[in-house]
Amino acid sequence: MAHRSVPCPATAVATQTGAIFSVLAAGAVSAHMNGVAAVAARREGYASQVLSHQLQDAVSAAHDWADYAKRLIVENERLKAENSRLKEVAAQRRGVIERMRQVAA
């Protein structure tokens, strides 16, 4: 074959087409990677939001339990005082009964 003095037009078209496709492929890969990163960021944001709500619920439940425990402490103290009062009344009545028995005997 003889060397051509004019470049082959098919080679120029093939080179340009290859360059265009490689730029398009690089853009597609870049767009895909950006999409994957956006999905990952969205998932992370959603997971963070779920954890935040769970934390708020846990804190709220802890406050509710603390309030309940405080009410129980107050009620327990009230019952202790009532128990002491009833013990005193019972001791007085026992004393009255004992005195009545001694008088009757």
PDB file of N, CA and C in Angstrom:
ATOM      1  N   MET A   1       0.807  -1.169   0.000  1.00  0.00           N
ATOM      2  CA  MET A   1       0.000   0.000   0.000  1.00  0.00           C
ATOM      3  C   MET A   1       0.862   1.248   0.000  1.00  0.00           C
ATOM      4  N   ALA A   2       0.363   2.182  -0.635  1.00  0.00           N
ATOM      5  CA  ALA A   2       1.084   3.433  -0.734  1.00  0.00           C
ATOM      6  C   ALA A   2       0.608   4.388   0.344  1.00  0.00           C
ATOM      7  N   HIS A   3       1.528   5.218   0.731  1.00  0.00           N
ATOM      8  CA  HIS A   3       1.187   6.199   1.741  1.00  0.00           C
ATOM      9  C   HIS A   3       0.349   7.283   1.102  1.00  0.00           C
ATOM     10  N   ARG A   4      -0.722   7.675   1.823  1.00  0.00           N
ATOM     11  CA  ARG A   4      -1.626   8.670   1.261  1.00  0.00           C
ATOM     12  C   ARG A   4      -1.157  10.053   1.664  1.00  0.00           C
ATOM     13  N   SER A   5      -1.307  10.987   0.813  1.00  0.00           N
ATOM     14  CA  SER A   5      -0.918  12.361   1.121  1.00  0.00           C
ATOM     15  C   SER A   5      -2.047  13.077   1.856  1.00  0.00           C
ATOM     16  N   VAL A   6      -3.269  12.603   1.718  1.00  0.00           N
ATOM     17  CA  VAL A   6      -4.434  13.202   2.386  1.00  0.00           C
ATOM     18  C   VAL A   6      -4.871  12.228   3.478  1.00  0.00           C
ATOM     19  N   PRO A   7      -5.102  12.722   4.665  1.00  0.00           N
ATOM     20  CA  PRO A   7      -5.516  11.806   5.724  1.00  0.00           C
ATOM     21  C   PRO A   7      -6.862  11.166   5.406  1.00  0.00           C
ATOM     22  N   CYS A   8      -7.029   9.979   5.932  1.00  0.00           N
ATOM     23  CA  CYS A   8      -8.270   9.236   5.696  1.00  0.00           C
ATOM     24  C   CYS A   8      -9.393   9.885   6.490  1.00  0.00           C
ATOM     25  N   PRO A   9     -10.492  10.219   5.848  1.00  0.00           N
ATOM     26  CA  PRO A   9     -11.604  10.861   6.564  1.00  0.00           C
ATOM     27  C   PRO A   9     -12.234   9.925   7.607  1.00  0.00           C
ATOM     28  N   ALA A  10     -12.202   8.621   7.375  1.00  0.00           N
ATOM     29  CA  ALA A  10     -12.791   7.682   8.333  1.00  0.00           C
ATOM     30  C   ALA A  10     -12.010   7.702   9.644  1.00  0.00           C
ATOM     31  N   THR A  11     -10.687   7.864   9.555  1.00  0.00           N
ATOM     32  CA  THR A  11      -9.875   7.916  10.763  1.00  0.00           C
ATOM     33  C   THR A  11     -10.225   9.152  11.579  1.00  0.00           C
ATOM     34  N   ALA A  12     -10.403  10.280  10.930  1.00  0.00           N
ATOM     35  CA  ALA A  12     -10.749  11.519  11.626  1.00  0.00           C
ATOM     36  C   ALA A  12     -12.124  11.384  12.285  1.00  0.00           C
ATOM     37  N   VAL A  13     -13.083  10.815  11.570  1.00  0.00           N
ATOM     38  CA  VAL A  13     -14.436  10.637  12.118  1.00  0.00           C
ATOM     39  C   VAL A  13     -14.392   9.663  13.285  1.00  0.00           C
ATOM     40  N   ALA A  14     -13.641   8.576  13.148  1.00  0.00           N
ATOM     41  CA  ALA A  14     -13.543   7.592  14.219  1.00  0.00           C
ATOM     42  C   ALA A  14     -12.878   8.206  15.444  1.00  0.00           C
ATOM     43  N   THR A  15     -11.858   8.998  15.264  1.00  0.00           N
ATOM     44  CA  THR A  15     -11.171   9.650  16.376  1.00  0.00           C
ATOM     45  C   THR A  15     -12.104  10.634  17.077  1.00  0.00           C
ATOM     46  N   GLN A  16     -12.819  11.445  16.301  1.00  0.00           N
ATOM     47  CA  GLN A  16     -13.751  12.410  16.895  1.00  0.00           C
ATOM     48  C   GLN A  16     -14.895  11.696  17.621  1.00  0.00           C
ATOM     49  N   THR A  17     -15.414  10.651  16.998  1.00  0.00           N
ATOM     50  CA  THR A  17     -16.504   9.891  17.625  1.00  0.00           C
ATOM     51  C   THR A  17     -16.019   9.243  18.915  1.00  0.00           C
ATOM     52  N   GLY A  18     -14.826   8.695  18.902  1.00  0.00           N
ATOM     53  CA  GLY A  18     -14.259   8.093  20.115  1.00  0.00           C
ATOM     54  C   GLY A  18     -14.084   9.130  21.212  1.00  0.00           C
ATOM     55  N   ALA A  19     -13.633  10.330  20.839  1.00  0.00           N
ATOM     56  CA  ALA A  19     -13.454  11.392  21.836  1.00  0.00           C
ATOM     57  C   ALA A  19     -14.800  11.810  22.417  1.00  0.00           C
ATOM     58  N   ILE A  20     -15.801  11.951  21.549  1.00  0.00           N
ATOM     59  CA  ILE A  20     -17.140  12.340  22.012  1.00  0.00           C
ATOM     60  C   ILE A  20     -17.702  11.275  22.955  1.00  0.00           C
ATOM     61  N   PHE A  21     -17.584  10.008  22.566  1.00  0.00           N
ATOM     62  CA  PHE A  21     -18.112   8.927  23.421  1.00  0.00           C
ATOM     63  C   PHE A  21     -17.368   8.832  24.743  1.00  0.00           C
ATOM     64  N   SER A  22     -16.055   9.073  24.727  1.00  0.00           N
ATOM     65  CA  SER A  22     -15.318   8.999  25.987  1.00  0.00           C
ATOM     66  C   SER A  22     -15.722  10.153  26.905  1.00  0.00           C
ATOM     67  N   VAL A  23     -15.977  11.341  26.358  1.00  0.00           N
ATOM     68  CA  VAL A  23     -16.454  12.467  27.180  1.00  0.00           C
ATOM     69  C   VAL A  23     -17.847  12.164  27.717  1.00  0.00           C
ATOM     70  N   LEU A  24     -18.723  11.621  26.854  1.00  0.00           N
ATOM     71  CA  LEU A  24     -20.074  11.256  27.297  1.00  0.00           C
ATOM     72  C   LEU A  24     -20.026  10.172  28.374  1.00  0.00           C
ATOM     73  N   ALA A  25     -19.157   9.193  28.199  1.00  0.00           N
ATOM     74  CA  ALA A  25     -19.042   8.118  29.187  1.00  0.00           C
ATOM     75  C   ALA A  25     -18.525   8.674  30.517  1.00  0.00           C
ATOM     76  N   ALA A  26     -17.559   9.552  30.459  1.00  0.00           N
ATOM     77  CA  ALA A  26     -17.037  10.163  31.692  1.00  0.00           C
ATOM     78  C   ALA A  26     -18.133  10.970  32.383  1.00  0.00           C
ATOM     79  N   GLY A  27     -18.925  11.699  31.595  1.00  0.00           N
ATOM     80  CA  GLY A  27     -20.050  12.462  32.165  1.00  0.00           C
ATOM     81  C   GLY A  27     -21.089  11.541  32.782  1.00  0.00           C
ATOM     82  N   ALA A  28     -21.375  10.435  32.114  1.00  0.00           N
ATOM     83  CA  ALA A  28     -22.364   9.488  32.644  1.00  0.00           C
ATOM     84  C   ALA A  28     -21.871   8.865  33.941  1.00  0.00           C
ATOM     85  N   VAL A  29     -20.600   8.506  33.981  1.00  0.00           N
ATOM     86  CA  VAL A  29     -20.035   7.935  35.208  1.00  0.00           C
ATOM     87  C   VAL A  29     -20.072   8.966  36.328  1.00  0.00           C
ATOM     88  N   SER A  30     -19.715  10.204  35.988  1.00  0.00           N
ATOM     89  CA  SER A  30     -19.734  11.268  36.991  1.00  0.00           C
ATOM     90  C   SER A  30     -21.153  11.505  37.501  1.00  0.00           C
ATOM     91  N   ALA A  31     -22.132  11.533  36.603  1.00  0.00           N
ATOM     92  CA  ALA A  31     -23.523  11.725  37.002  1.00  0.00           C
ATOM     93  C   ALA A  31     -23.999  10.563  37.867  1.00  0.00           C
ATOM     94  N   HIS A  32     -23.609   9.357  37.499  1.00  0.00           N
ATOM     95  CA  HIS A  32     -24.001   8.184  38.290  1.00  0.00           C
ATOM     96  C   HIS A  32     -23.401   8.262  39.689  1.00  0.00           C
ATOM     97  N   MET A  33     -22.135   8.621  39.793  1.00  0.00           N
ATOM     98  CA  MET A  33     -21.482   8.714  41.096  1.00  0.00           C
ATOM     99  C   MET A  33     -22.112   9.824  41.939  1.00  0.00           C
ATOM    100  N   ASN A  34     -22.464  10.943  41.308  1.00  0.00           N
ATOM    101  CA  ASN A  34     -23.150  12.016  42.034  1.00  0.00           C
ATOM    102  C   ASN A  34     -24.518  11.540  42.528  1.00  0.00           C
ATOM    103  N   GLY A  35     -25.222  10.788  41.699  1.00  0.00           N
ATOM    104  CA  GLY A  35     -26.509  10.230  42.106  1.00  0.00           C
ATOM    105  C   GLY A  35     -26.378   9.268  43.263  1.00  0.00           C
ATOM    106  N   VAL A  36     -25.369   8.407  43.221  1.00  0.00           N
ATOM    107  CA  VAL A  36     -25.130   7.460  44.311  1.00  0.00           C
ATOM    108  C   VAL A  36     -24.806   8.229  45.595  1.00  0.00           C
ATOM    109  N   ALA A  37     -23.983   9.271  45.472  1.00  0.00           N
ATOM    110  CA  ALA A  37     -23.634  10.069  46.650  1.00  0.00           C
ATOM    111  C   ALA A  37     -24.868  10.778  47.208  1.00  0.00           C
ATOM    112  N   ALA A  38     -25.739  11.278  46.321  1.00  0.00           N
ATOM    113  CA  ALA A  38     -26.962  11.954  46.778  1.00  0.00           C
ATOM    114  C   ALA A  38     -27.886  10.976  47.495  1.00  0.00           C
ATOM    115  N   VAL A  39     -28.009   9.766  46.967  1.00  0.00           N
ATOM    116  CA  VAL A  39     -28.849   8.749  47.616  1.00  0.00           C
ATOM    117  C   VAL A  39     -28.280   8.399  48.986  1.00  0.00           C
ATOM    118  N   ALA A  40     -26.975   8.241  49.062  1.00  0.00           N
ATOM    119  CA  ALA A  40     -26.340   7.920  50.350  1.00  0.00           C
ATOM    120  C   ALA A  40     -26.549   9.058  51.349  1.00  0.00           C
ATOM    121  N   ALA A  41     -26.411  10.288  50.885  1.00  0.00           N
ATOM    122  CA  ALA A  41     -26.622  11.438  51.776  1.00  0.00           C
ATOM    123  C   ALA A  41     -28.076  11.507  52.245  1.00  0.00           C
ATOM    124  N   ARG A  42     -29.003  11.227  51.344  1.00  0.00           N
ATOM    125  CA  ARG A  42     -30.422  11.247  51.705  1.00  0.00           C
ATOM    126  C   ARG A  42     -30.726  10.148  52.722  1.00  0.00           C
ATOM    127  N   ARG A  43     -30.169   8.958  52.522  1.00  0.00           N
ATOM    128  CA  ARG A  43     -30.365   7.863  53.478  1.00  0.00           C
ATOM    129  C   ARG A  43     -29.785   8.228  54.845  1.00  0.00           C
ATOM    130  N   GLU A  44     -28.607   8.819  54.837  1.00  0.00           N
ATOM    131  CA  GLU A  44     -27.970   9.212  56.090  1.00  0.00           C
ATOM    132  C   GLU A  44     -28.796  10.287  56.794  1.00  0.00           C
ATOM    133  N   GLY A  45     -29.309  11.236  56.028  1.00  0.00           N
ATOM    134  CA  GLY A  45     -30.165  12.276  56.606  1.00  0.00           C
ATOM    135  C   GLY A  45     -31.431  11.685  57.201  1.00  0.00           C
ATOM    136  N   TYR A  46     -32.034  10.742  56.493  1.00  0.00           N
ATOM    137  CA  TYR A  46     -33.250  10.095  56.992  1.00  0.00           C
ATOM    138  C   TYR A  46     -32.954   9.303  58.263  1.00  0.00           C
ATOM    139  N   ALA A  47     -31.841   8.567  58.253  1.00  0.00           N
ATOM    140  CA  ALA A  47     -31.468   7.788  59.446  1.00  0.00           C
ATOM    141  C   ALA A  47     -31.201   8.721  60.623  1.00  0.00           C
ATOM    142  N   SER A  48     -30.572   9.836  60.361  1.00  0.00           N
ATOM    143  CA  SER A  48     -30.302  10.814  61.411  1.00  0.00           C
ATOM    144  C   SER A  48     -31.606  11.381  61.961  1.00  0.00           C
ATOM    145  N   GLN A  49     -32.555  11.643  61.077  1.00  0.00           N
ATOM    146  CA  GLN A  49     -33.856  12.168  61.503  1.00  0.00           C
ATOM    147  C   GLN A  49     -34.602  11.127  62.342  1.00  0.00           C
ATOM    148  N   VAL A  50     -34.558   9.872  61.939  1.00  0.00           N
ATOM    149  CA  VAL A  50     -35.213   8.799  62.699  1.00  0.00           C
ATOM    150  C   VAL A  50     -34.585   8.687  64.084  1.00  0.00           C
ATOM    151  N   LEU A  51     -33.250   8.709  64.150  1.00  0.00           N
ATOM    152  CA  LEU A  51     -32.566   8.641  65.440  1.00  0.00           C
ATOM    153  C   LEU A  51     -32.911   9.841  66.319  1.00  0.00           C
ATOM    154  N   SER A  52     -33.029  11.014  65.703  1.00  0.00           N
ATOM    155  CA  SER A  52     -33.394  12.207  66.461  1.00  0.00           C
ATOM    156  C   SER A  52     -34.781  12.059  67.069  1.00  0.00           C
ATOM    157  N   HIS A  53     -35.740  11.543  66.291  1.00  0.00           N
ATOM    158  CA  HIS A  53     -37.088  11.330  66.813  1.00  0.00           C
ATOM    159  C   HIS A  53     -37.085  10.269  67.913  1.00  0.00           C
ATOM    160  N   GLN A  54     -36.314   9.207  67.725  1.00  0.00           N
ATOM    161  CA  GLN A  54     -36.241   8.169  68.751  1.00  0.00           C
ATOM    162  C   GLN A  54     -35.639   8.727  70.037  1.00  0.00           C
ATOM    163  N   LEU A  55     -34.633   9.585  69.908  1.00  0.00           N
ATOM    164  CA  LEU A  55     -34.026  10.196  71.078  1.00  0.00           C
ATOM    165  C   LEU A  55     -35.030  11.100  71.789  1.00  0.00           C
ATOM    166  N   GLN A  56     -35.786  11.896  71.021  1.00  0.00           N
ATOM    167  CA  GLN A  56     -36.804  12.760  71.628  1.00  0.00           C
ATOM    168  C   GLN A  56     -37.852  11.924  72.357  1.00  0.00           C
ATOM    169  N   ASP A  57     -38.270  10.820  71.742  1.00  0.00           N
ATOM    170  CA  ASP A  57     -39.253   9.938  72.386  1.00  0.00           C
ATOM    171  C   ASP A  57     -38.687   9.342  73.675  1.00  0.00           C
ATOM    172  N   ALA A  58     -37.427   8.929  73.645  1.00  0.00           N
ATOM    173  CA  ALA A  58     -36.799   8.334  74.828  1.00  0.00           C
ATOM    174  C   ALA A  58     -36.665   9.367  75.946  1.00  0.00           C
ATOM    175  N   VAL A  59     -36.281  10.586  75.601  1.00  0.00           N
ATOM    176  CA  VAL A  59     -36.154  11.646  76.607  1.00  0.00           C
ATOM    177  C   VAL A  59     -37.524  11.960  77.205  1.00  0.00           C
ATOM    178  N   SER A  60     -38.528  12.032  76.349  1.00  0.00           N
ATOM    179  CA  SER A  60     -39.896  12.299  76.825  1.00  0.00           C
ATOM    180  C   SER A  60     -40.363  11.182  77.750  1.00  0.00           C
ATOM    181  N   ALA A  61     -40.109   9.935  77.378  1.00  0.00           N
ATOM    182  CA  ALA A  61     -40.500   8.805  78.225  1.00  0.00           C
ATOM    183  C   ALA A  61     -39.745   8.850  79.547  1.00  0.00           C
ATOM    184  N   ALA A  62     -38.466   9.208  79.520  1.00  0.00           N
ATOM    185  CA  ALA A  62     -37.681   9.305  80.754  1.00  0.00           C
ATOM    186  C   ALA A  62     -38.258  10.379  81.677  1.00  0.00           C
ATOM    187  N   HIS A  63     -38.665  11.509  81.102  1.00  0.00           N
ATOM    188  CA  HIS A  63     -39.282  12.567  81.911  1.00  0.00           C
ATOM    189  C   HIS A  63     -40.609  12.089  82.501  1.00  0.00           C
ATOM    190  N   ASP A  64     -41.385  11.381  81.692  1.00  0.00           N
ATOM    191  CA  ASP A  64     -42.661  10.853  82.192  1.00  0.00           C
ATOM    192  C   ASP A  64     -42.433   9.887  83.349  1.00  0.00           C
ATOM    193  N   TRP A  65     -41.449   8.986  83.205  1.00  0.00           N
ATOM    194  CA  TRP A  65     -41.152   8.030  84.275  1.00  0.00           C
ATOM    195  C   TRP A  65     -40.626   8.744  85.518  1.00  0.00           C
ATOM    196  N   ALA A  66     -39.840   9.781  85.335  1.00  0.00           N
ATOM    197  CA  ALA A  66     -39.325  10.537  86.481  1.00  0.00           C
ATOM    198  C   ALA A  66     -40.478  11.216  87.225  1.00  0.00           C
ATOM    199  N   ASP A  67     -41.416  11.805  86.468  1.00  0.00           N
ATOM    200  CA  ASP A  67     -42.588  12.426  87.094  1.00  0.00           C
ATOM    201  C   ASP A  67     -43.412  11.395  87.846  1.00  0.00           C
ATOM    202  N   TYR A  68     -43.581  10.231  87.240  1.00  0.00           N
ATOM    203  CA  TYR A  68     -44.333   9.149  87.876  1.00  0.00           C
ATOM    204  C   TYR A  68     -43.644   8.708  89.170  1.00  0.00           C
ATOM    205  N   ALA A  69     -42.318   8.572  89.118  1.00  0.00           N
ATOM    206  CA  ALA A  69     -41.559   8.163  90.305  1.00  0.00           C
ATOM    207  C   ALA A  69     -41.700   9.207  91.412  1.00  0.00           C
ATOM    208  N   LYS A  70     -41.673  10.483  91.054  1.00  0.00           N
ATOM    209  CA  LYS A  70     -41.843  11.541  92.059  1.00  0.00           C
ATOM    210  C   LYS A  70     -43.226  11.461  92.698  1.00  0.00           C
ATOM    211  N   ARG A  71     -44.262  11.210  91.893  1.00  0.00           N
ATOM    212  CA  ARG A  71     -45.616  11.056  92.445  1.00  0.00           C
ATOM    213  C   ARG A  71     -45.683   9.853  93.378  1.00  0.00           C
ATOM    214  N   LEU A  72     -45.007   8.768  92.999  1.00  0.00           N
ATOM    215  CA  LEU A  72     -44.999   7.589  93.866  1.00  0.00           C
ATOM    216  C   LEU A  72     -44.282   7.855  95.185  1.00  0.00           C
ATOM    217  N   ILE A  73     -43.213   8.629  95.146  1.00  0.00           N
ATOM    218  CA  ILE A  73     -42.486   8.967  96.367  1.00  0.00           C
ATOM    219  C   ILE A  73     -43.389   9.771  97.299  1.00  0.00           C
ATOM    220  N   VAL A  74     -44.091  10.756  96.740  1.00  0.00           N
ATOM    221  CA  VAL A  74     -45.005  11.564  97.547  1.00  0.00           C
ATOM    222  C   VAL A  74     -46.099  10.682  98.135  1.00  0.00           C
ATOM    223  N   GLU A  75     -46.673   9.813  97.325  1.00  0.00           N
ATOM    224  CA  GLU A  75     -47.724   8.911  97.798  1.00  0.00           C
ATOM    225  C   GLU A  75     -47.190   7.970  98.878  1.00  0.00           C
ATOM    226  N   ASN A  76     -45.980   7.464  98.709  1.00  0.00           N
ATOM    227  CA  ASN A  76     -45.368   6.587  99.696  1.00  0.00           C
ATOM    228  C   ASN A  76     -45.187   7.318 101.028  1.00  0.00           C
ATOM    229  N   GLU A  77     -44.711   8.552 100.977  1.00  0.00           N
ATOM    230  CA  GLU A  77     -44.540   9.338 102.201  1.00  0.00           C
ATOM    231  C   GLU A  77     -45.889   9.579 102.882  1.00  0.00           C
ATOM    232  N   ARG A  78     -46.922   9.853 102.085  1.00  0.00           N
ATOM    233  CA  ARG A  78     -48.256  10.059 102.639  1.00  0.00           C
ATOM    234  C   ARG A  78     -48.749   8.783 103.318  1.00  0.00           C
ATOM    235  N   LEU A  79     -48.521   7.647 102.678  1.00  0.00           N
ATOM    236  CA  LEU A  79     -48.958   6.372 103.249  1.00  0.00           C
ATOM    237  C   LEU A  79     -48.179   6.025 104.517  1.00  0.00           C
ATOM    238  N   LYS A  80     -46.884   6.364 104.541  1.00  0.00           N
ATOM    239  CA  LYS A  80     -46.096   6.138 105.751  1.00  0.00           C
ATOM    240  C   LYS A  80     -46.658   6.957 106.914  1.00  0.00           C
ATOM    241  N   ALA A  81     -46.995   8.213 106.643  1.00  0.00           N
ATOM    242  CA  ALA A  81     -47.564   9.070 107.688  1.00  0.00           C
ATOM    243  C   ALA A  81     -48.910   8.511 108.150  1.00  0.00           C
ATOM    244  N   GLU A  82     -49.734   8.080 107.223  1.00  0.00           N
ATOM    245  CA  GLU A  82     -51.031   7.482 107.562  1.00  0.00           C
ATOM    246  C   GLU A  82     -50.830   6.220 108.395  1.00  0.00           C
ATOM    247  N   ASN A  83     -49.858   5.409 108.031  1.00  0.00           N
ATOM    248  CA  ASN A  83     -49.562   4.188 108.773  1.00  0.00           C
ATOM    249  C   ASN A  83     -49.132   4.521 110.199  1.00  0.00           C
ATOM    250  N   SER A  84     -48.289   5.513 110.368  1.00  0.00           N
ATOM    251  CA  SER A  84     -47.865   5.930 111.712  1.00  0.00           C
ATOM    252  C   SER A  84     -49.063   6.395 112.526  1.00  0.00           C
ATOM    253  N   ARG A  85     -49.922   7.196 111.905  1.00  0.00           N
ATOM    254  CA  ARG A  85     -51.107   7.691 112.605  1.00  0.00           C
ATOM    255  C   ARG A  85     -51.997   6.527 113.034  1.00  0.00           C
ATOM    256  N   LEU A  86     -52.198   5.572 112.141  1.00  0.00           N
ATOM    257  CA  LEU A  86     -53.046   4.425 112.477  1.00  0.00           C
ATOM    258  C   LEU A  86     -52.417   3.544 113.560  1.00  0.00           C
ATOM    259  N   LYS A  87     -51.088   3.426 113.560  1.00  0.00           N
ATOM    260  CA  LYS A  87     -50.417   2.676 114.622  1.00  0.00           C
ATOM    261  C   LYS A  87     -50.653   3.345 115.975  1.00  0.00           C
ATOM    262  N   GLU A  88     -50.585   4.680 115.999  1.00  0.00           N
ATOM    263  CA  GLU A  88     -50.834   5.411 117.247  1.00  0.00           C
ATOM    264  C   GLU A  88     -52.274   5.201 117.719  1.00  0.00           C
ATOM    265  N   VAL A  89     -53.229   5.285 116.807  1.00  0.00           N
ATOM    266  CA  VAL A  89     -54.632   5.090 117.150  1.00  0.00           C
ATOM    267  C   VAL A  89     -54.845   3.676 117.677  1.00  0.00           C
ATOM    268  N   ALA A  90     -54.242   2.699 117.022  1.00  0.00           N
ATOM    269  CA  ALA A  90     -54.388   1.311 117.453  1.00  0.00           C
ATOM    270  C   ALA A  90     -53.784   1.119 118.840  1.00  0.00           C
ATOM    271  N   ALA A  91     -52.627   1.750 119.090  1.00  0.00           N
ATOM    272  CA  ALA A  91     -51.987   1.635 120.416  1.00  0.00           C
ATOM    273  C   ALA A  91     -52.876   2.265 121.479  1.00  0.00           C
ATOM    274  N   GLN A  92     -53.499   3.414 121.175  1.00  0.00           N
ATOM    275  CA  GLN A  92     -54.403   4.055 122.130  1.00  0.00           C
ATOM    276  C   GLN A  92     -55.606   3.156 122.426  1.00  0.00           C
ATOM    277  N   ARG A  93     -56.166   2.573 121.398  1.00  0.00           N
ATOM    278  CA  ARG A  93     -57.333   1.703 121.588  1.00  0.00           C
ATOM    279  C   ARG A  93     -56.957   0.457 122.387  1.00  0.00           C
ATOM    280  N   ARG A  94     -55.770  -0.087 122.100  1.00  0.00           N
ATOM    281  CA  ARG A  94     -55.310  -1.234 122.894  1.00  0.00           C
ATOM    282  C   ARG A  94     -55.196  -0.846 124.363  1.00  0.00           C
ATOM    283  N   GLY A  95     -54.668   0.336 124.587  1.00  0.00           N
ATOM    284  CA  GLY A  95     -54.545   0.823 125.969  1.00  0.00           C
ATOM    285  C   GLY A  95     -55.902   0.951 126.637  1.00  0.00           C
ATOM    286  N   VAL A  96     -56.885   1.501 125.903  1.00  0.00           N
ATOM    287  CA  VAL A  96     -58.241   1.645 126.448  1.00  0.00           C
ATOM    288  C   VAL A  96     -58.823   0.270 126.741  1.00  0.00           C
ATOM    289  N   ILE A  97     -58.650  -0.656 125.815  1.00  0.00           N
ATOM    290  CA  ILE A  97     -59.191  -2.009 126.010  1.00  0.00           C
ATOM    291  C   ILE A  97     -58.540  -2.668 127.221  1.00  0.00           C
ATOM    292  N   GLU A  98     -57.226  -2.513 127.362  1.00  0.00           N
ATOM    293  CA  GLU A  98     -56.520  -3.106 128.499  1.00  0.00           C
ATOM    294  C   GLU A  98     -57.019  -2.501 129.815  1.00  0.00           C
ATOM    295  N   ARG A  99     -57.219  -1.194 129.838  1.00  0.00           N
ATOM    296  CA  ARG A  99     -57.712  -0.554 131.052  1.00  0.00           C
ATOM    297  C   ARG A  99     -59.127  -1.019 131.390  1.00  0.00           C
ATOM    298  N   MET A 100     -59.966  -1.179 130.338  1.00  0.00           N
ATOM    299  CA  MET A 100     -61.330  -1.647 130.566  1.00  0.00           C
ATOM    300  C   MET A 100     -61.327  -3.083 131.106  1.00  0.00           C
ATOM    301  N   ARG A 101     -60.397  -3.905 130.615  1.00  0.00           N
ATOM    302  CA  ARG A 101     -60.290  -5.280 131.113  1.00  0.00           C
ATOM    303  C   ARG A 101     -59.872  -5.291 132.590  1.00  0.00           C
ATOM    304  N   GLN A 102     -58.932  -4.401 132.921  1.00  0.00           N
ATOM    305  CA  GLN A 102     -58.473  -4.360 134.305  1.00  0.00           C
ATOM    306  C   GLN A 102     -59.581  -3.888 135.249  1.00  0.00           C
ATOM    307  N   VAL A 103     -60.393  -2.946 134.771  1.00  0.00           N
ATOM    308  CA  VAL A 103     -61.504  -2.449 135.591  1.00  0.00           C
ATOM    309  C   VAL A 103     -62.552  -3.560 135.745  1.00  0.00           C
ATOM    310  N   ALA A 104     -62.814  -4.290 134.670  1.00  0.00           N
ATOM    311  CA  ALA A 104     -63.829  -5.341 134.690  1.00  0.00           C
ATOM    312  C   ALA A 104     -63.376  -6.538 135.505  1.00  0.00           C
ATOM    313  N   ALA A 105     -62.101  -6.741 135.628  1.00  0.00           N
ATOM    314  CA  ALA A 105     -61.607  -7.921 136.339  1.00  0.00           C
ATOM    315  C   ALA A 105     -61.639  -7.789 137.822  1.00  0.00           C
TER     316      ALA A 105
END
